[in-house]
Every structure is written in structure tokens, then in C-alpha cells.
N, C-alpha and C. Protein backbone atom coordinates (compact mmCIF):
# COMPACT_ATOMS: atom_id res chain seq x y z
N UNK A 1 -28.56 -4.54 -6.64
CA UNK A 1 -26.80 -5.09 -5.86
C UNK A 1 -25.88 -5.24 -6.87
N UNK A 2 -24.71 -4.58 -6.80
CA UNK A 2 -23.65 -4.94 -7.13
C UNK A 2 -22.83 -6.05 -6.43
N UNK A 3 -21.87 -7.35 -7.15
CA UNK A 3 -21.68 -8.18 -6.77
C UNK A 3 -20.04 -7.88 -6.06
N UNK A 4 -20.21 -8.06 -4.36
CA UNK A 4 -19.20 -8.01 -3.98
C UNK A 4 -17.91 -8.90 -4.32
N UNK A 5 -16.42 -8.03 -4.37
CA UNK A 5 -15.61 -8.93 -4.85
C UNK A 5 -14.24 -8.78 -3.75
N UNK A 6 -13.49 -9.59 -3.69
CA UNK A 6 -12.28 -9.43 -2.16
C UNK A 6 -11.22 -8.61 -3.26
N UNK A 7 -11.12 -8.46 -4.69
CA UNK A 7 -10.25 -7.82 -5.15
C UNK A 7 -9.85 -6.53 -4.61
N UNK A 8 -10.90 -5.42 -4.09
CA UNK A 8 -10.59 -4.30 -3.72
C UNK A 8 -9.72 -4.79 -2.74
N UNK A 9 -10.14 -4.73 -1.34
CA UNK A 9 -9.80 -5.38 -0.05
C UNK A 9 -8.91 -5.66 -0.14
N UNK A 10 -8.56 -7.33 -1.00
CA UNK A 10 -6.98 -7.91 -1.35
C UNK A 10 -5.96 -6.68 -1.50
N UNK A 11 -5.94 -6.09 -2.72
CA UNK A 11 -5.09 -5.36 -2.88
C UNK A 11 -4.90 -4.30 -1.58
N UNK A 12 -5.70 -3.60 -1.06
CA UNK A 12 -5.55 -2.77 0.03
C UNK A 12 -4.55 -3.65 1.06
N UNK A 13 -5.38 -4.85 1.44
CA UNK A 13 -4.12 -5.20 2.27
C UNK A 13 -3.05 -5.69 2.37
N UNK A 14 -2.63 -6.02 0.84
CA UNK A 14 -1.60 -6.12 0.51
C UNK A 14 -0.59 -4.80 0.40
N UNK A 15 -1.11 -3.72 -0.17
CA UNK A 15 -0.28 -2.56 -0.48
C UNK A 15 -0.24 -2.11 1.39
N UNK A 16 -1.15 -2.25 2.79
CA UNK A 16 -0.22 -1.42 3.54
C UNK A 16 0.49 -2.80 4.59
N UNK A 17 0.21 -4.09 3.85
CA UNK A 17 0.77 -5.02 4.98
C UNK A 17 2.77 -4.57 4.35
N UNK A 18 2.33 -4.14 2.83
CA UNK A 18 3.80 -4.13 2.24
C UNK A 18 4.70 -3.01 2.68
N UNK A 19 3.62 -1.47 2.58
CA UNK A 19 4.51 -0.55 3.07
C UNK A 19 4.48 -0.54 5.02
N UNK A 20 4.00 -1.16 5.81
CA UNK A 20 4.55 -1.41 6.69
C UNK A 20 5.51 -2.93 7.51
N UNK A 21 5.99 -3.71 6.16
CA UNK A 21 6.67 -4.54 6.81
C UNK A 21 6.26 -5.90 7.19
N UNK A 22 5.48 -5.90 7.10
CA UNK A 22 4.66 -7.04 7.88
C UNK A 22 4.04 -8.03 6.68
N UNK A 23 3.59 -9.23 8.23
CA UNK A 23 3.50 -10.24 7.18
C UNK A 23 1.72 -10.93 7.76
N UNK A 24 1.14 -11.92 6.97
CA UNK A 24 0.23 -13.00 7.46
C UNK A 24 0.00 -13.89 6.77
N UNK A 25 -0.85 -14.66 7.49
CA UNK A 25 -0.75 -15.56 7.15
C UNK A 25 -2.31 -16.12 7.30
N UNK A 26 -3.25 -17.06 6.78
CA UNK A 26 -4.36 -17.44 6.79
C UNK A 26 -4.49 -18.95 7.30
N UNK A 27 -5.86 -19.05 7.82
CA UNK A 27 -5.90 -20.25 8.26
C UNK A 27 -7.84 -20.09 8.30
N UNK A 28 -8.13 -21.70 7.18
CA UNK A 28 -9.27 -21.38 6.92
C UNK A 28 -9.98 -22.67 6.74
N UNK A 29 -11.36 -22.66 7.43
CA UNK A 29 -12.24 -24.10 7.01
C UNK A 29 -13.02 -24.01 6.23
N UNK A 30 -14.15 -23.71 5.94
CA UNK A 30 -15.40 -23.47 5.41
C UNK A 30 -15.10 -23.11 3.91
N UNK A 31 -13.65 -21.94 4.11
CA UNK A 31 -13.91 -21.20 2.58
C UNK A 31 -12.66 -22.13 1.74
N UNK A 32 -11.80 -22.32 2.92
CA UNK A 32 -10.81 -24.04 2.13
C UNK A 32 -9.32 -23.09 1.38
N UNK A 33 -8.97 -22.08 1.96
CA UNK A 33 -8.27 -21.40 1.30
C UNK A 33 -8.54 -20.80 -0.03
N UNK A 34 -9.46 -19.65 -0.03
CA UNK A 34 -10.19 -19.39 -0.56
C UNK A 34 -9.47 -17.57 -0.37
N UNK A 35 -9.55 -17.04 0.76
CA UNK A 35 -8.47 -15.89 1.52
C UNK A 35 -7.53 -16.12 1.10
N UNK A 36 -6.90 -16.57 1.22
CA UNK A 36 -5.36 -16.75 0.90
C UNK A 36 -5.29 -16.90 -0.81
N UNK A 37 -6.09 -17.98 -1.26
CA UNK A 37 -6.40 -17.11 -2.84
C UNK A 37 -6.74 -16.10 -3.32
N UNK A 38 -7.43 -15.19 -2.31
CA UNK A 38 -7.54 -13.34 -3.02
C UNK A 38 -6.73 -12.83 -3.01
N UNK A 39 -5.74 -13.06 -2.26
CA UNK A 39 -4.30 -12.33 -1.54
C UNK A 39 -3.79 -12.66 -2.63
N UNK A 40 -3.54 -14.01 -3.03
CA UNK A 40 -2.34 -13.89 -3.98
C UNK A 40 -3.13 -13.85 -5.26
N UNK A 41 -3.79 -13.33 -5.42
CA UNK A 41 -4.40 -12.64 -6.60
C UNK A 41 -3.86 -11.76 -7.10
N UNK A 42 -3.42 -10.85 -6.19
CA UNK A 42 -2.76 -9.34 -6.15
C UNK A 42 -0.91 -9.56 -6.26
N UNK A 43 -1.12 -9.01 -7.33
CA UNK A 43 0.79 -9.09 -7.90
C UNK A 43 1.45 -8.40 -6.34
N UNK A 44 2.54 -9.18 -6.27
CA UNK A 44 3.14 -8.44 -4.34
C UNK A 44 2.91 -9.23 -3.69
N UNK A 45 2.17 -10.02 -3.70
CA UNK A 45 1.34 -10.53 -2.65
C UNK A 45 2.44 -11.76 -2.00
N UNK A 46 3.54 -12.00 -3.03
CA UNK A 46 4.35 -12.84 -1.86
C UNK A 46 4.95 -12.34 -1.02
N UNK A 47 5.11 -11.13 -1.42
CA UNK A 47 6.31 -10.31 0.08
C UNK A 47 5.39 -10.03 1.58
N UNK A 48 4.08 -10.29 1.05
CA UNK A 48 2.98 -10.47 2.56
C UNK A 48 2.81 -11.50 2.92
N UNK A 49 2.40 -12.40 2.22
CA UNK A 49 1.80 -13.60 2.88
C UNK A 49 2.47 -14.40 2.90
N UNK A 50 2.64 -15.00 4.46
CA UNK A 50 3.14 -16.46 4.87
C UNK A 50 3.09 -17.79 3.80
N UNK A 51 1.69 -17.92 3.79
CA UNK A 51 1.12 -19.07 3.42
C UNK A 51 -0.44 -19.30 4.29
N UNK A 52 -0.54 -20.27 3.85
CA UNK A 52 -2.13 -20.60 4.40
C UNK A 52 -2.42 -22.04 5.11
N UNK A 53 -3.09 -22.10 6.08
CA UNK A 53 -3.54 -23.20 6.80
C UNK A 53 -4.87 -23.76 6.31
N UNK A 54 -5.53 -25.06 5.89
CA UNK A 54 -6.69 -25.44 5.74
C UNK A 54 -6.87 -26.33 6.96
N UNK A 55 -7.56 -26.15 7.91
CA UNK A 55 -8.00 -26.76 8.63
C UNK A 55 -9.05 -26.85 8.49
N UNK A 56 -10.13 -27.69 7.34
CA UNK A 56 -10.92 -28.43 7.56
C UNK A 56 -11.68 -29.42 8.62
N UNK A 57 -10.57 -30.71 9.11
CA UNK A 57 -10.90 -31.46 9.80
C UNK A 57 -11.16 -30.93 11.30
N UNK A 58 -11.90 -31.14 12.03
CA UNK A 58 -11.62 -31.02 13.34
C UNK A 58 -10.11 -31.22 14.16
N UNK A 59 -9.77 -32.39 13.98
CA UNK A 59 -8.66 -33.07 13.55
C UNK A 59 -7.27 -31.96 13.53
N UNK A 60 -7.28 -31.24 12.18
CA UNK A 60 -6.60 -30.33 11.42
C UNK A 60 -6.17 -29.04 12.39
N UNK A 61 -7.37 -28.90 12.91
CA UNK A 61 -7.35 -27.30 13.93
C UNK A 61 -6.63 -27.49 15.22
N UNK A 62 -6.69 -28.88 15.65
CA UNK A 62 -6.19 -29.34 16.63
C UNK A 62 -3.97 -29.58 16.92
N UNK A 63 -4.11 -30.31 15.46
CA UNK A 63 -2.47 -30.74 15.55
C UNK A 63 -1.53 -29.93 14.51
N UNK A 64 -2.53 -29.01 13.67
CA UNK A 64 -1.53 -28.17 12.91
C UNK A 64 -1.76 -26.84 13.31
N UNK A 65 -2.53 -26.13 14.35
CA UNK A 65 -2.12 -25.15 15.06
C UNK A 65 -2.99 -24.86 16.11
N UNK A 66 -2.52 -25.79 16.99
CA UNK A 66 -3.09 -26.21 17.91
C UNK A 66 -4.50 -25.37 18.67
N UNK A 67 -5.00 -25.51 18.41
CA UNK A 67 -6.30 -24.98 18.66
C UNK A 67 -6.89 -26.16 19.55
N UNK A 68 -7.29 -25.92 21.35
CA UNK A 68 -7.17 -26.77 22.53
C UNK A 68 -8.47 -27.68 21.50
N UNK A 69 -8.73 -28.88 21.80
CA UNK A 69 -9.38 -29.99 21.64
C UNK A 69 -10.84 -29.70 22.55
N UNK A 70 -10.66 -29.17 23.74
CA UNK A 70 -11.63 -29.04 24.58
C UNK A 70 -12.48 -27.64 23.94
N UNK A 71 -12.07 -26.64 23.32
CA UNK A 71 -12.55 -25.81 22.68
C UNK A 71 -13.53 -26.23 21.47
N UNK A 72 -13.62 -27.10 20.92
CA UNK A 72 -14.19 -27.81 19.83
C UNK A 72 -15.02 -28.31 20.53
N UNK A 73 -14.55 -29.21 21.49
CA UNK A 73 -15.71 -29.84 21.97
C UNK A 73 -16.64 -29.20 22.74
N UNK A 74 -16.44 -28.48 23.36
CA UNK A 74 -17.24 -27.42 24.24
C UNK A 74 -18.26 -26.22 24.18
N UNK A 75 -17.45 -25.83 22.38
CA UNK A 75 -18.61 -24.54 21.93
C UNK A 75 -18.52 -25.13 20.40
N UNK A 76 -17.97 -26.25 19.48
CA UNK A 76 -18.35 -26.43 18.44
C UNK A 76 -17.09 -25.97 17.43
N UNK A 77 -16.62 -25.90 16.18
CA UNK A 77 -15.84 -25.84 15.46
C UNK A 77 -16.45 -24.44 14.62
N UNK A 78 -17.12 -24.29 14.79
CA UNK A 78 -18.20 -22.94 14.47
C UNK A 78 -18.68 -22.30 15.52
N UNK A 79 -17.58 -21.48 16.25
CA UNK A 79 -17.71 -20.60 17.64
C UNK A 79 -16.27 -19.79 17.09
N UNK A 80 -17.10 -18.65 18.32
CA UNK A 80 -16.19 -17.22 18.37
C UNK A 80 -14.80 -17.94 19.06
N UNK A 81 -15.14 -18.78 20.00
CA UNK A 81 -13.57 -19.14 20.40
C UNK A 81 -12.69 -20.23 19.41
N UNK A 82 -13.38 -20.97 18.71
CA UNK A 82 -12.65 -21.70 17.98
C UNK A 82 -12.25 -21.08 16.97
N UNK A 83 -12.44 -19.83 16.71
CA UNK A 83 -11.98 -18.39 15.55
C UNK A 83 -11.42 -18.02 16.07
N UNK A 84 -11.39 -17.78 16.99
CA UNK A 84 -10.57 -17.10 18.01
C UNK A 84 -9.08 -17.82 18.11
N UNK A 85 -8.92 -19.06 19.10
CA UNK A 85 -7.98 -20.05 18.65
C UNK A 85 -7.27 -20.13 17.60
N UNK A 86 -8.30 -20.28 16.46
CA UNK A 86 -7.43 -20.67 15.02
C UNK A 86 -6.59 -19.54 14.53
N UNK A 87 -6.98 -18.25 15.14
CA UNK A 87 -6.09 -16.94 14.13
C UNK A 87 -4.57 -16.93 15.09
N UNK A 88 -4.85 -17.30 16.69
CA UNK A 88 -3.86 -16.95 17.28
C UNK A 88 -2.96 -18.52 17.25
N UNK A 89 -3.61 -19.30 17.18
CA UNK A 89 -2.50 -20.32 16.71
C UNK A 89 -1.94 -20.58 15.56
N UNK A 90 -2.38 -20.09 14.34
CA UNK A 90 -1.45 -19.66 13.34
C UNK A 90 -0.87 -18.50 13.25
N UNK A 91 -1.03 -17.51 14.22
CA UNK A 91 -0.20 -16.25 13.88
C UNK A 91 0.76 -16.52 14.90
N UNK A 92 0.76 -17.89 15.81
CA UNK A 92 1.65 -18.05 16.96
C UNK A 92 2.71 -19.27 15.87
N UNK A 93 1.97 -20.00 15.55
CA UNK A 93 2.87 -21.29 14.65
C UNK A 93 3.71 -20.97 13.16
N UNK A 94 3.18 -19.65 12.74
CA UNK A 94 3.77 -19.14 11.39
C UNK A 94 4.75 -17.85 11.88
N UNK A 95 4.62 -17.41 13.08
CA UNK A 95 4.83 -16.64 13.02
C UNK A 95 5.28 -15.04 12.69
N UNK A 96 4.06 -14.91 12.06
CA UNK A 96 3.48 -13.86 11.40
C UNK A 96 2.71 -12.56 12.67
N UNK A 97 3.06 -11.44 12.03
CA UNK A 97 2.04 -10.21 12.17
C UNK A 97 0.46 -10.54 12.50
N UNK A 98 0.07 -10.92 11.21
CA UNK A 98 -1.25 -11.09 11.51
C UNK A 98 -1.69 -12.66 11.43
N UNK A 99 -2.76 -13.16 11.43
CA UNK A 99 -3.22 -14.48 10.89
C UNK A 99 -5.06 -13.73 10.86
N UNK A 100 -5.38 -14.17 9.77
CA UNK A 100 -7.08 -14.33 9.27
C UNK A 100 -7.42 -15.50 9.47
N UNK A 101 -8.39 -16.17 10.63
CA UNK A 101 -9.10 -17.14 10.60
C UNK A 101 -10.46 -16.98 10.17
N UNK A 102 -10.90 -18.04 9.28
CA UNK A 102 -12.46 -18.29 8.77
C UNK A 102 -12.98 -19.84 9.16
N UNK A 103 -14.29 -19.76 10.11
CA UNK A 103 -14.95 -21.15 10.17
C UNK A 103 -16.40 -20.42 10.44
N UNK A 104 -17.13 -21.51 9.60
CA UNK A 104 -18.15 -21.49 9.24
C UNK A 104 -19.18 -23.04 8.64
N UNK A 105 -20.59 -22.68 8.52
CA UNK A 105 -21.41 -23.51 7.99
C UNK A 105 -21.91 -23.15 6.58
N UNK A 106 -21.10 -23.49 5.17
CA UNK A 106 -21.25 -23.15 3.92
C UNK A 106 -22.64 -23.84 3.53
N UNK A 107 -22.94 -24.88 4.15
CA UNK A 107 -23.89 -25.57 3.89
C UNK A 107 -24.01 -26.69 2.21
N UNK A 108 -24.70 -27.29 2.13
CA UNK A 108 -26.14 -27.14 2.03
C UNK A 108 -26.62 -27.68 3.12
N UNK A 109 -25.59 -28.73 3.92
CA UNK A 109 -26.04 -29.31 5.29
C UNK A 109 -25.29 -29.01 6.27
N UNK A 110 -25.27 -29.27 7.77
CA UNK A 110 -24.18 -29.05 8.70
C UNK A 110 -25.14 -28.24 9.58
N UNK A 111 -26.31 -27.60 9.27
CA UNK A 111 -27.13 -26.79 10.11
C UNK A 111 -27.61 -26.82 10.60
N UNK A 112 -28.24 -25.97 11.73
CA UNK A 112 -29.13 -26.62 13.02
C UNK A 112 -30.06 -24.94 13.69
N UNK A 113 -30.82 -25.38 14.26
CA UNK A 113 -31.09 -24.10 15.12
C UNK A 113 -30.42 -23.12 15.70
N UNK A 114 -29.82 -24.06 16.07
CA UNK A 114 -28.60 -22.92 17.20
C UNK A 114 -27.67 -22.56 16.44
N UNK A 115 -27.16 -23.23 15.54
CA UNK A 115 -25.95 -22.86 14.06
C UNK A 115 -26.44 -23.24 13.07
N UNK A 116 -27.96 -22.21 12.04
CA UNK A 116 -27.54 -21.82 11.08
C UNK A 116 -26.75 -22.07 9.59
N UNK A 117 -27.32 -23.14 8.94
CA UNK A 117 -26.34 -22.81 7.76
C UNK A 117 -26.23 -21.11 7.26
N UNK A 118 -24.97 -20.81 6.85
CA UNK A 118 -24.72 -18.82 6.80
C UNK A 118 -23.89 -18.53 7.99
N UNK A 119 -23.60 -19.25 8.97
CA UNK A 119 -23.19 -19.02 10.71
C UNK A 119 -21.39 -18.80 10.29
N UNK A 120 -20.85 -17.75 10.14
CA UNK A 120 -19.70 -17.58 9.95
C UNK A 120 -19.01 -17.04 10.88
N UNK A 121 -18.02 -17.40 11.51
CA UNK A 121 -16.92 -16.57 12.53
C UNK A 121 -15.71 -16.09 11.49
N UNK A 122 -15.61 -14.97 11.59
CA UNK A 122 -13.90 -14.58 10.63
C UNK A 122 -13.08 -13.91 11.83
N UNK A 123 -12.10 -14.07 12.48
CA UNK A 123 -11.06 -13.18 13.31
C UNK A 123 -10.20 -13.35 12.60
N UNK A 124 -9.13 -12.51 13.19
CA UNK A 124 -7.61 -10.98 12.76
C UNK A 124 -7.00 -11.33 14.03
N UNK A 125 -5.57 -11.75 14.02
CA UNK A 125 -5.21 -12.03 15.39
C UNK A 125 -3.89 -11.36 14.81
N UNK A 126 -3.32 -10.41 15.86
CA UNK A 126 -2.28 -9.60 15.78
C UNK A 126 -1.76 -9.61 17.23
N UNK A 127 -0.51 -9.09 17.51
CA UNK A 127 -0.01 -9.04 18.69
C UNK A 127 -0.84 -7.90 19.88
N UNK A 128 -1.16 -7.12 19.12
CA UNK A 128 -2.58 -6.14 20.13
C UNK A 128 -3.69 -6.65 20.90
N UNK A 129 -3.81 -7.43 19.67
CA UNK A 129 -5.43 -8.14 20.20
C UNK A 129 -5.86 -9.06 18.58
N UNK A 130 -7.08 -9.95 19.23
CA UNK A 130 -7.86 -10.78 18.39
C UNK A 130 -9.22 -10.43 17.88
N UNK A 131 -9.48 -9.89 17.26
CA UNK A 131 -10.87 -9.37 17.04
C UNK A 131 -11.89 -10.62 15.98
N UNK A 132 -13.08 -11.26 16.57
CA UNK A 132 -13.88 -12.05 15.77
C UNK A 132 -15.63 -11.13 15.86
N UNK A 133 -15.57 -11.63 14.62
CA UNK A 133 -16.75 -11.23 13.80
C UNK A 133 -17.63 -12.18 13.84
N UNK A 134 -18.88 -12.69 14.48
CA UNK A 134 -20.01 -13.21 13.84
C UNK A 134 -20.88 -12.97 12.76
N UNK A 135 -20.84 -13.42 11.50
CA UNK A 135 -21.52 -13.44 9.88
C UNK A 135 -22.66 -14.52 10.08
N UNK A 136 -23.82 -14.00 9.86
CA UNK A 136 -25.00 -14.41 9.40
C UNK A 136 -25.22 -14.07 8.31
N UNK A 137 -25.07 -14.48 7.27
CA UNK A 137 -25.17 -14.57 6.09
C UNK A 137 -26.50 -15.29 5.64
N UNK A 138 -27.11 -16.40 5.94
CA UNK A 138 -28.00 -17.02 5.67
C UNK A 138 -28.27 -17.78 4.76
N UNK A 139 -28.91 -18.48 4.37
CA UNK A 139 -28.91 -19.98 3.00
C UNK A 139 -29.00 -18.99 2.17
N UNK A 140 -27.66 -18.50 1.27
CA UNK A 140 -27.77 -17.96 0.43
C UNK A 140 -27.39 -18.20 -0.92
N UNK A 141 -26.69 -20.35 -0.32
CA UNK A 141 -25.95 -20.95 -1.25
C UNK A 141 -24.45 -21.15 -0.89
N UNK A 142 -24.16 -22.33 -1.04
CA UNK A 142 -22.92 -22.51 -0.81
C UNK A 142 -21.72 -21.76 -1.18
N UNK A 143 -21.70 -21.36 -2.28
CA UNK A 143 -21.03 -20.34 -3.41
C UNK A 143 -21.24 -18.86 -2.39
N UNK A 144 -21.59 -18.64 -2.32
CA UNK A 144 -21.99 -17.04 -2.08
C UNK A 144 -21.52 -17.28 -0.53
N UNK A 145 -22.52 -18.06 0.35
CA UNK A 145 -21.90 -17.87 1.51
C UNK A 145 -19.81 -17.98 1.75
N UNK A 146 -19.47 -18.49 1.11
CA UNK A 146 -18.08 -18.79 1.16
C UNK A 146 -17.51 -17.57 0.44
N UNK A 147 -17.71 -17.45 -0.78
CA UNK A 147 -17.75 -15.60 -0.96
C UNK A 147 -17.60 -14.24 -0.24
N UNK A 148 -18.91 -14.54 0.39
CA UNK A 148 -19.15 -13.77 1.46
C UNK A 148 -18.70 -13.70 2.48
N UNK A 149 -17.69 -14.16 3.11
CA UNK A 149 -16.33 -14.62 4.12
C UNK A 149 -15.66 -14.72 4.12
N UNK A 150 -14.97 -14.54 2.42
CA UNK A 150 -13.77 -13.81 2.14
C UNK A 150 -13.61 -12.92 2.00
N UNK A 151 -14.71 -11.69 1.77
CA UNK A 151 -15.03 -10.56 1.59
C UNK A 151 -15.22 -10.27 3.01
N UNK A 152 -15.69 -10.84 4.30
CA UNK A 152 -15.69 -10.38 5.39
C UNK A 152 -14.66 -10.36 6.19
N UNK A 153 -13.68 -11.35 5.94
CA UNK A 153 -12.30 -11.65 6.29
C UNK A 153 -11.40 -10.29 5.41
N UNK A 154 -11.50 -10.16 4.51
CA UNK A 154 -10.59 -9.48 4.37
C UNK A 154 -10.91 -7.92 4.46
N UNK A 155 -11.83 -7.70 4.69
CA UNK A 155 -12.40 -6.20 5.19
C UNK A 155 -12.50 -6.13 6.84
N UNK A 156 -12.39 -7.05 7.57
CA UNK A 156 -12.24 -7.23 9.04
C UNK A 156 -10.48 -6.84 8.90
N UNK A 157 -9.53 -7.69 8.04
CA UNK A 157 -8.43 -7.30 8.03
C UNK A 157 -7.75 -5.90 8.16
N UNK A 158 -8.22 -5.43 7.07
CA UNK A 158 -8.64 -4.07 6.83
C UNK A 158 -9.04 -3.00 7.63
N UNK A 159 -9.93 -3.41 8.24
CA UNK A 159 -10.34 -2.57 9.46
C UNK A 159 -8.97 -2.62 10.60
N UNK A 160 -8.49 -3.66 10.79
CA UNK A 160 -7.12 -3.80 11.74
C UNK A 160 -6.57 -2.70 11.52
N UNK A 161 -5.87 -3.07 10.09
CA UNK A 161 -4.57 -2.32 9.60
C UNK A 161 -4.92 -0.97 9.75
N UNK A 162 -5.71 -0.25 9.81
CA UNK A 162 -5.99 1.18 9.20
C UNK A 162 -6.52 1.70 10.89
N UNK A 163 -7.10 1.14 11.60
CA UNK A 163 -7.18 1.19 12.86
C UNK A 163 -7.06 -0.39 13.96
N UNK A 164 -6.01 -0.60 14.01
CA UNK A 164 -5.53 -1.44 15.10
C UNK A 164 -5.87 -1.22 16.44
N UNK A 165 -7.23 -2.28 17.07
CA UNK A 165 -7.59 -2.37 18.25
C UNK A 165 -6.41 -2.51 19.32
N UNK A 166 -6.65 -1.49 20.05
CA UNK A 166 -5.97 -1.63 21.71
C UNK A 166 -6.46 -2.81 22.77
N UNK A 167 -5.51 -3.40 23.50
CA UNK A 167 -5.04 -4.35 23.91
C UNK A 167 -6.39 -3.91 25.59
């Protein structure tokens, strides 16, 4: 199986955002800035990428992008609810058209039966809607989980750009 690379989806995301005159911000936990890095690998990304938040600590999520602490407490940092709040919080804080959020368990530690290593939520927020996708990559190694997470995030962003969700 060929290795997935984020270059093609990132290139498409940059192209579509450029054509529409729109901007995106990233907010990342387990990927630590890799989504933003994939976008900045594309020439011309400076026209569309506002920047990125790395909210690795739970307090960073609540302080930097206003994720309600009760969501983290009630559902955990790796949850649909927190991924959604991360994307919405980043978009609203940065005042961009879109936000891409990633939160997950890259391992090798930190997993449980309920939330195993390889569980990653990606979200894309726009003024129309916020989509969240749950991914279960399995325990394929930290680097592979992070790479797959970047790919999933860019693919979801591309999907939203090509077929915008209706609220």
C-alpha cells in the first residue's frame, strides 16, 4: 500500500481557499502543528493560513481558544464534544472562515479500553456548520497515527470546501 502524504490534499485546500479568498486556522493537540506544517509546505499558503494553535495541555484549550472546562472534564480532551469546541473556538478567536481541529491519543501511552491509542477526532468549523469525524487508526505507532491524523484532517477540510455542509 502506498504511503499517504498530505501534500496533495494540502495543495488542493490551499488552491480552493485562495480561489475563494478565504482563510483557515488550525488548532492541534496530538499532531502538535503538523497540519499547519503540511499547509505551509504549499507555496502560496501565506495567503490563506492565518496561523495555528497548539493546545496540547487541557488548560491551553480552555485559555487560548475558550473550550469550556466542563467539556474537557465531562467528556475528556479526546472527544467529539471537545474537537467541536476546539474548531469553533479557534475559528471564533482567530476570526477566520474555517478552522481545522485535531485531538487524539497518539500513544504509546494514554489509551484505555474506552479510548484506545489511535483514537483521533478531527473537526472542521465554518460559519455554516462544524463537522467532526471519529477515526480509529489502531495502535500503528505514534508517528503513523499522527501522519494519518494530518491526512484525515486535510481530507475533511477538502470535503467541506468541495461540498459545504448545510446546517
